[in-house]
Amino acid sequence: RHARGKAAAAAPSGELVIGADTVVDLDGEA
């Protein structure tokens, strides 16, 4: 969700836009 959100909210660009997010998962808890 966060990766897609970052990519969608990024300013328009003539280059390939990348959004990314990292989550640490401990027993199902972020």
PDB file of all heavy atoms in Angstrom:
ATOM      1  N   ARG A   1       0.836  -1.204   0.000  1.00  0.00           N
ATOM      2  CA  ARG A   1       0.000   0.000   0.000  1.00  0.00           C
ATOM      3  C   ARG A   1       0.873   1.257   0.000  1.00  0.00           C
ATOM      4  O   ARG A   1       0.620   2.200  -0.755  1.00  0.00           O
ATOM      5  CB  ARG A   1      -0.896  -0.018   1.234  1.00  0.00           C
ATOM      6  CG  ARG A   1      -1.722   1.265   1.429  1.00  0.00           C
ATOM      7  CD  ARG A   1      -2.851   1.381   0.450  1.00  0.00           C
ATOM      8  NE  ARG A   1      -3.847   0.349   0.666  1.00  0.00           N
ATOM      9  CZ  ARG A   1      -4.871   0.457   1.539  1.00  0.00           C
ATOM     10  NH1 ARG A   1      -5.024   1.558   2.244  1.00  0.00           N
ATOM     11  NH2 ARG A   1      -5.732  -0.533   1.665  1.00  0.00           N
ATOM     12  N   HIS A   2       1.893   1.273   0.857  1.00  0.00           N
ATOM     13  CA  HIS A   2       2.755   2.454   0.935  1.00  0.00           C
ATOM     14  C   HIS A   2       3.583   2.636  -0.346  1.00  0.00           C
ATOM     15  O   HIS A   2       3.765   3.767  -0.811  1.00  0.00           O
ATOM     16  CB  HIS A   2       3.686   2.350   2.140  1.00  0.00           C
ATOM     17  CG  HIS A   2       3.003   2.595   3.449  1.00  0.00           C
ATOM     18  ND1 HIS A   2       1.882   3.380   3.586  1.00  0.00           N
ATOM     19  CD2 HIS A   2       3.313   2.170   4.713  1.00  0.00           C
ATOM     20  CE1 HIS A   2       1.519   3.429   4.854  1.00  0.00           C
ATOM     21  NE2 HIS A   2       2.362   2.698   5.565  1.00  0.00           N
ATOM     22  N   ALA A   3       4.084   1.547  -0.914  1.00  0.00           N
ATOM     23  CA  ALA A   3       4.876   1.654  -2.146  1.00  0.00           C
ATOM     24  C   ALA A   3       4.016   2.211  -3.273  1.00  0.00           C
ATOM     25  O   ALA A   3       4.435   3.113  -4.015  1.00  0.00           O
ATOM     26  CB  ALA A   3       5.454   0.296  -2.529  1.00  0.00           C
ATOM     27  N   ARG A   4       2.806   1.662  -3.427  1.00  0.00           N
ATOM     28  CA  ARG A   4       1.903   2.162  -4.472  1.00  0.00           C
ATOM     29  C   ARG A   4       1.529   3.618  -4.216  1.00  0.00           C
ATOM     30  O   ARG A   4       1.450   4.429  -5.146  1.00  0.00           O
ATOM     31  CB  ARG A   4       0.649   1.294  -4.522  1.00  0.00           C
ATOM     32  CG  ARG A   4       0.869  -0.106  -5.092  1.00  0.00           C
ATOM     33  CD  ARG A   4      -0.457  -0.830  -5.237  1.00  0.00           C
ATOM     34  NE  ARG A   4      -0.313  -2.123  -5.897  1.00  0.00           N
ATOM     35  CZ  ARG A   4      -0.563  -3.297  -5.305  1.00  0.00           C
ATOM     36  NH1 ARG A   4      -0.966  -3.334  -4.043  1.00  0.00           N
ATOM     37  NH2 ARG A   4      -0.413  -4.426  -5.975  1.00  0.00           N
ATOM     38  N   GLY A   5       1.303   3.958  -2.959  1.00  0.00           N
ATOM     39  CA  GLY A   5       0.932   5.325  -2.626  1.00  0.00           C
ATOM     40  C   GLY A   5       2.032   6.320  -2.941  1.00  0.00           C
ATOM     41  O   GLY A   5       1.780   7.416  -3.466  1.00  0.00           O
ATOM     42  N   LYS A   6       3.264   5.946  -2.625  1.00  0.00           N
ATOM     43  CA  LYS A   6       4.395   6.831  -2.912  1.00  0.00           C
ATOM     44  C   LYS A   6       4.568   7.041  -4.411  1.00  0.00           C
ATOM     45  O   LYS A   6       4.852   8.155  -4.868  1.00  0.00           O
ATOM     46  CB  LYS A   6       5.677   6.248  -2.303  1.00  0.00           C
ATOM     47  CG  LYS A   6       5.708   6.263  -0.788  1.00  0.00           C
ATOM     48  CD  LYS A   6       6.958   5.568  -0.268  1.00  0.00           C
ATOM     49  CE  LYS A   6       6.979   5.483   1.246  1.00  0.00           C
ATOM     50  NZ  LYS A   6       8.170   4.772   1.768  1.00  0.00           N
ATOM     51  N   ALA A   7       4.428   5.954  -5.180  1.00  0.00           N
ATOM     52  CA  ALA A   7       4.577   6.077  -6.634  1.00  0.00           C
ATOM     53  C   ALA A   7       3.456   6.925  -7.223  1.00  0.00           C
ATOM     54  O   ALA A   7       3.689   7.776  -8.086  1.00  0.00           O
ATOM     55  CB  ALA A   7       4.596   4.698  -7.280  1.00  0.00           C
ATOM     56  N   ALA A   8       2.225   6.710  -6.750  1.00  0.00           N
ATOM     57  CA  ALA A   8       1.084   7.443  -7.292  1.00  0.00           C
ATOM     58  C   ALA A   8       1.142   8.926  -6.950  1.00  0.00           C
ATOM     59  O   ALA A   8       0.720   9.780  -7.741  1.00  0.00           O
ATOM     60  CB  ALA A   8      -0.217   6.843  -6.760  1.00  0.00           C
ATOM     61  N   ALA A   9       1.688   9.257  -5.754  1.00  0.00           N
ATOM     62  CA  ALA A   9       1.720  10.645  -5.307  1.00  0.00           C
ATOM     63  C   ALA A   9       2.946  11.407  -5.799  1.00  0.00           C
ATOM     64  O   ALA A   9       3.025  12.622  -5.614  1.00  0.00           O
ATOM     65  CB  ALA A   9       1.664  10.694  -3.780  1.00  0.00           C
ATOM     66  N   ALA A  10       3.895  10.713  -6.412  1.00  0.00           N
ATOM     67  CA  ALA A  10       5.102  11.374  -6.896  1.00  0.00           C
ATOM     68  C   ALA A  10       4.765  12.320  -8.049  1.00  0.00           C
ATOM     69  O   ALA A  10       3.820  12.088  -8.810  1.00  0.00           O
ATOM     70  CB  ALA A  10       6.130  10.340  -7.346  1.00  0.00           C
ATOM     71  N   ALA A  11       5.552  13.356  -8.179  1.00  0.00           N
ATOM     72  CA  ALA A  11       5.336  14.337  -9.243  1.00  0.00           C
ATOM     73  C   ALA A  11       5.475  13.677 -10.612  1.00  0.00           C
ATOM     74  O   ALA A  11       6.223  12.706 -10.769  1.00  0.00           O
ATOM     75  CB  ALA A  11       6.349  15.470  -9.104  1.00  0.00           C
ATOM     76  N   PRO A  12       4.744  14.181 -11.617  1.00  0.00           N
ATOM     77  CA  PRO A  12       4.868  13.630 -12.975  1.00  0.00           C
ATOM     78  C   PRO A  12       6.315  13.670 -13.451  1.00  0.00           C
ATOM     79  O   PRO A  12       7.068  14.589 -13.120  1.00  0.00           O
ATOM     80  CB  PRO A  12       3.978  14.551 -13.809  1.00  0.00           C
ATOM     81  CG  PRO A  12       3.003  15.119 -12.835  1.00  0.00           C
ATOM     82  CD  PRO A  12       3.767  15.272 -11.549  1.00  0.00           C
ATOM     83  N   SER A  13       6.703  12.662 -14.216  1.00  0.00           N
ATOM     84  CA  SER A  13       8.096  12.584 -14.673  1.00  0.00           C
ATOM     85  C   SER A  13       8.177  11.909 -16.034  1.00  0.00           C
ATOM     86  O   SER A  13       7.356  11.044 -16.360  1.00  0.00           O
ATOM     87  CB  SER A  13       8.939  11.801 -13.663  1.00  0.00           C
ATOM     88  OG  SER A  13      10.262  11.611 -14.129  1.00  0.00           O
ATOM     89  N   GLY A  14       9.170  12.295 -16.792  1.00  0.00           N
ATOM     90  CA  GLY A  14       9.438  11.637 -18.060  1.00  0.00           C
ATOM     91  C   GLY A  14      10.224  10.359 -17.880  1.00  0.00           C
ATOM     92  O   GLY A  14      10.425   9.604 -18.845  1.00  0.00           O
ATOM     93  N   GLU A  15      10.684  10.098 -16.644  1.00  0.00           N
ATOM     94  CA  GLU A  15      11.413   8.863 -16.345  1.00  0.00           C
ATOM     95  C   GLU A  15      10.491   7.890 -15.610  1.00  0.00           C
ATOM     96  O   GLU A  15       9.435   8.262 -15.116  1.00  0.00           O
ATOM     97  CB  GLU A  15      12.640   9.175 -15.479  1.00  0.00           C
ATOM     98  CG  GLU A  15      13.540  10.277 -15.999  1.00  0.00           C
ATOM     99  CD  GLU A  15      14.163   9.961 -17.353  1.00  0.00           C
ATOM    100  OE1 GLU A  15      14.128   8.784 -17.766  1.00  0.00           O
ATOM    101  OE2 GLU A  15      14.685  10.890 -17.977  1.00  0.00           O
ATOM    102  N   LEU A  16      10.906   6.643 -15.535  1.00  0.00           N
ATOM    103  CA  LEU A  16      10.151   5.635 -14.809  1.00  0.00           C
ATOM    104  C   LEU A  16      10.121   6.007 -13.331  1.00  0.00           C
ATOM    105  O   LEU A  16      11.169   6.194 -12.704  1.00  0.00           O
ATOM    106  CB  LEU A  16      10.789   4.255 -14.995  1.00  0.00           C
ATOM    107  CG  LEU A  16      10.054   3.081 -14.361  1.00  0.00           C
ATOM    108  CD1 LEU A  16       8.709   2.844 -15.049  1.00  0.00           C
ATOM    109  CD2 LEU A  16      10.923   1.821 -14.437  1.00  0.00           C
ATOM    110  N   VAL A  17       8.934   6.122 -12.750  1.00  0.00           N
ATOM    111  CA  VAL A  17       8.777   6.529 -11.355  1.00  0.00           C
ATOM    112  C   VAL A  17       8.786   5.286 -10.455  1.00  0.00           C
ATOM    113  O   VAL A  17       8.138   4.283 -10.752  1.00  0.00           O
ATOM    114  CB  VAL A  17       7.463   7.311 -11.155  1.00  0.00           C
ATOM    115  CG1 VAL A  17       7.249   7.645  -9.678  1.00  0.00           C
ATOM    116  CG2 VAL A  17       7.483   8.583 -11.997  1.00  0.00           C
ATOM    117  N   ILE A  18       9.504   5.387  -9.348  1.00  0.00           N
ATOM    118  CA  ILE A  18       9.613   4.280  -8.402  1.00  0.00           C
ATOM    119  C   ILE A  18       9.168   4.731  -7.021  1.00  0.00           C
ATOM    120  O   ILE A  18       9.613   5.757  -6.506  1.00  0.00           O
ATOM    121  CB  ILE A  18      11.066   3.765  -8.308  1.00  0.00           C
ATOM    122  CG1 ILE A  18      11.559   3.274  -9.670  1.00  0.00           C
ATOM    123  CG2 ILE A  18      11.169   2.648  -7.267  1.00  0.00           C
ATOM    124  CD1 ILE A  18      13.026   2.876  -9.662  1.00  0.00           C
ATOM    125  N   GLY A  19       8.287   3.940  -6.417  1.00  0.00           N
ATOM    126  CA  GLY A  19       7.941   4.099  -5.010  1.00  0.00           C
ATOM    127  C   GLY A  19       8.308   2.818  -4.294  1.00  0.00           C
ATOM    128  O   GLY A  19       8.198   1.727  -4.875  1.00  0.00           O
ATOM    129  N   ALA A  20       8.749   2.908  -3.053  1.00  0.00           N
ATOM    130  CA  ALA A  20       9.143   1.696  -2.320  1.00  0.00           C
ATOM    131  C   ALA A  20       8.887   1.882  -0.838  1.00  0.00           C
ATOM    132  O   ALA A  20       8.872   3.008  -0.326  1.00  0.00           O
ATOM    133  CB  ALA A  20      10.623   1.378  -2.573  1.00  0.00           C
ATOM    134  N   ASP A  21       8.705   0.762  -0.162  1.00  0.00           N
ATOM    135  CA  ASP A  21       8.500   0.808   1.283  1.00  0.00           C
ATOM    136  C   ASP A  21       8.979  -0.496   1.904  1.00  0.00           C
ATOM    137  O   ASP A  21       8.822  -1.571   1.317  1.00  0.00           O
ATOM    138  CB  ASP A  21       7.020   1.011   1.614  1.00  0.00           C
ATOM    139  CG  ASP A  21       6.817   1.329   3.086  1.00  0.00           C
ATOM    140  OD1 ASP A  21       7.265   2.409   3.523  1.00  0.00           O
ATOM    141  OD2 ASP A  21       6.226   0.507   3.807  1.00  0.00           O
ATOM    142  N   THR A  22       9.569  -0.377   3.086  1.00  0.00           N
ATOM    143  CA  THR A  22      10.083  -1.535   3.813  1.00  0.00           C
ATOM    144  C   THR A  22       9.372  -1.658   5.148  1.00  0.00           C
ATOM    145  O   THR A  22       9.231  -0.675   5.877  1.00  0.00           O
ATOM    146  CB  THR A  22      11.600  -1.411   4.044  1.00  0.00           C
ATOM    147  OG1 THR A  22      12.269  -1.378   2.771  1.00  0.00           O
ATOM    148  CG2 THR A  22      12.133  -2.583   4.850  1.00  0.00           C
ATOM    149  N   VAL A  23       8.924  -2.871   5.468  1.00  0.00           N
ATOM    150  CA  VAL A  23       8.226  -3.142   6.722  1.00  0.00           C
ATOM    151  C   VAL A  23       8.903  -4.321   7.413  1.00  0.00           C
ATOM    152  O   VAL A  23       9.179  -5.340   6.788  1.00  0.00           O
ATOM    153  CB  VAL A  23       6.738  -3.466   6.468  1.00  0.00           C
ATOM    154  CG1 VAL A  23       6.060  -3.903   7.760  1.00  0.00           C
ATOM    155  CG2 VAL A  23       6.022  -2.263   5.877  1.00  0.00           C
ATOM    156  N   VAL A  24       9.185  -4.153   8.696  1.00  0.00           N
ATOM    157  CA  VAL A  24       9.722  -5.249   9.501  1.00  0.00           C
ATOM    158  C   VAL A  24       8.549  -5.956  10.173  1.00  0.00           C
ATOM    159  O   VAL A  24       7.716  -5.329  10.835  1.00  0.00           O
ATOM    160  CB  VAL A  24      10.722  -4.715  10.550  1.00  0.00           C
ATOM    161  CG1 VAL A  24      11.087  -5.813  11.549  1.00  0.00           C
ATOM    162  CG2 VAL A  24      11.982  -4.204   9.857  1.00  0.00           C
ATOM    163  N   ASP A  25       8.491  -7.251   9.991  1.00  0.00           N
ATOM    164  CA  ASP A  25       7.359  -8.079  10.408  1.00  0.00           C
ATOM    165  C   ASP A  25       7.809  -9.031  11.516  1.00  0.00           C
ATOM    166  O   ASP A  25       8.589  -9.951  11.283  1.00  0.00           O
ATOM    167  CB  ASP A  25       6.868  -8.856   9.174  1.00  0.00           C
ATOM    168  CG  ASP A  25       5.742  -9.831   9.466  1.00  0.00           C
ATOM    169  OD1 ASP A  25       5.411 -10.063  10.631  1.00  0.00           O
ATOM    170  OD2 ASP A  25       5.202 -10.381   8.480  1.00  0.00           O
ATOM    171  N   LEU A  26       7.326  -8.789  12.726  1.00  0.00           N
ATOM    172  CA  LEU A  26       7.628  -9.672  13.849  1.00  0.00           C
ATOM    173  C   LEU A  26       6.340 -10.374  14.275  1.00  0.00           C
ATOM    174  O   LEU A  26       5.442  -9.748  14.847  1.00  0.00           O
ATOM    175  CB  LEU A  26       8.210  -8.870  15.019  1.00  0.00           C
ATOM    176  CG  LEU A  26       8.596  -9.684  16.261  1.00  0.00           C
ATOM    177  CD1 LEU A  26       9.714 -10.677  15.931  1.00  0.00           C
ATOM    178  CD2 LEU A  26       9.003  -8.774  17.410  1.00  0.00           C
ATOM    179  N   ASP A  27       6.246 -11.646  13.941  1.00  0.00           N
ATOM    180  CA  ASP A  27       5.060 -12.444  14.290  1.00  0.00           C
ATOM    181  C   ASP A  27       3.774 -11.801  13.784  1.00  0.00           C
ATOM    182  O   ASP A  27       2.741 -11.795  14.475  1.00  0.00           O
ATOM    183  CB  ASP A  27       4.975 -12.645  15.801  1.00  0.00           C
ATOM    184  CG  ASP A  27       6.171 -13.406  16.355  1.00  0.00           C
ATOM    185  OD1 ASP A  27       6.767 -14.200  15.599  1.00  0.00           O
ATOM    186  OD2 ASP A  27       6.525 -13.192  17.530  1.00  0.00           O
ATOM    187  N   GLY A  28       3.824 -11.224  12.571  1.00  0.00           N
ATOM    188  CA  GLY A  28       2.634 -10.635  11.984  1.00  0.00           C
ATOM    189  C   GLY A  28       2.370  -9.197  12.379  1.00  0.00           C
ATOM    190  O   GLY A  28       1.403  -8.583  11.898  1.00  0.00           O
ATOM    191  N   GLU A  29       3.220  -8.623  13.217  1.00  0.00           N
ATOM    192  CA  GLU A  29       3.088  -7.222  13.626  1.00  0.00           C
ATOM    193  C   GLU A  29       4.123  -6.371  12.897  1.00  0.00           C
ATOM    194  O   GLU A  29       5.303  -6.724  12.848  1.00  0.00           O
ATOM    195  CB  GLU A  29       3.283  -7.080  15.132  1.00  0.00           C
ATOM    196  CG  GLU A  29       3.205  -5.642  15.622  1.00  0.00           C
ATOM    197  CD  GLU A  29       3.554  -5.505  17.089  1.00  0.00           C
ATOM    198  OE1 GLU A  29       3.633  -6.544  17.790  1.00  0.00           O
ATOM    199  OE2 GLU A  29       3.761  -4.362  17.550  1.00  0.00           O
ATOM    200  N   ALA A  30       3.690  -5.273  12.323  1.00  0.00           N
ATOM    201  CA  ALA A  30       4.599  -4.377  11.619  1.00  0.00           C
ATOM    202  C   ALA A  30       5.319  -3.469  12.607  1.00  0.00           C
ATOM    203  O   ALA A  30       4.673  -2.746  13.380  1.00  0.00           O
ATOM    204  CB  ALA A  30       3.831  -3.539  10.607  1.00  0.00           C
TER     205      ALA A  30
END
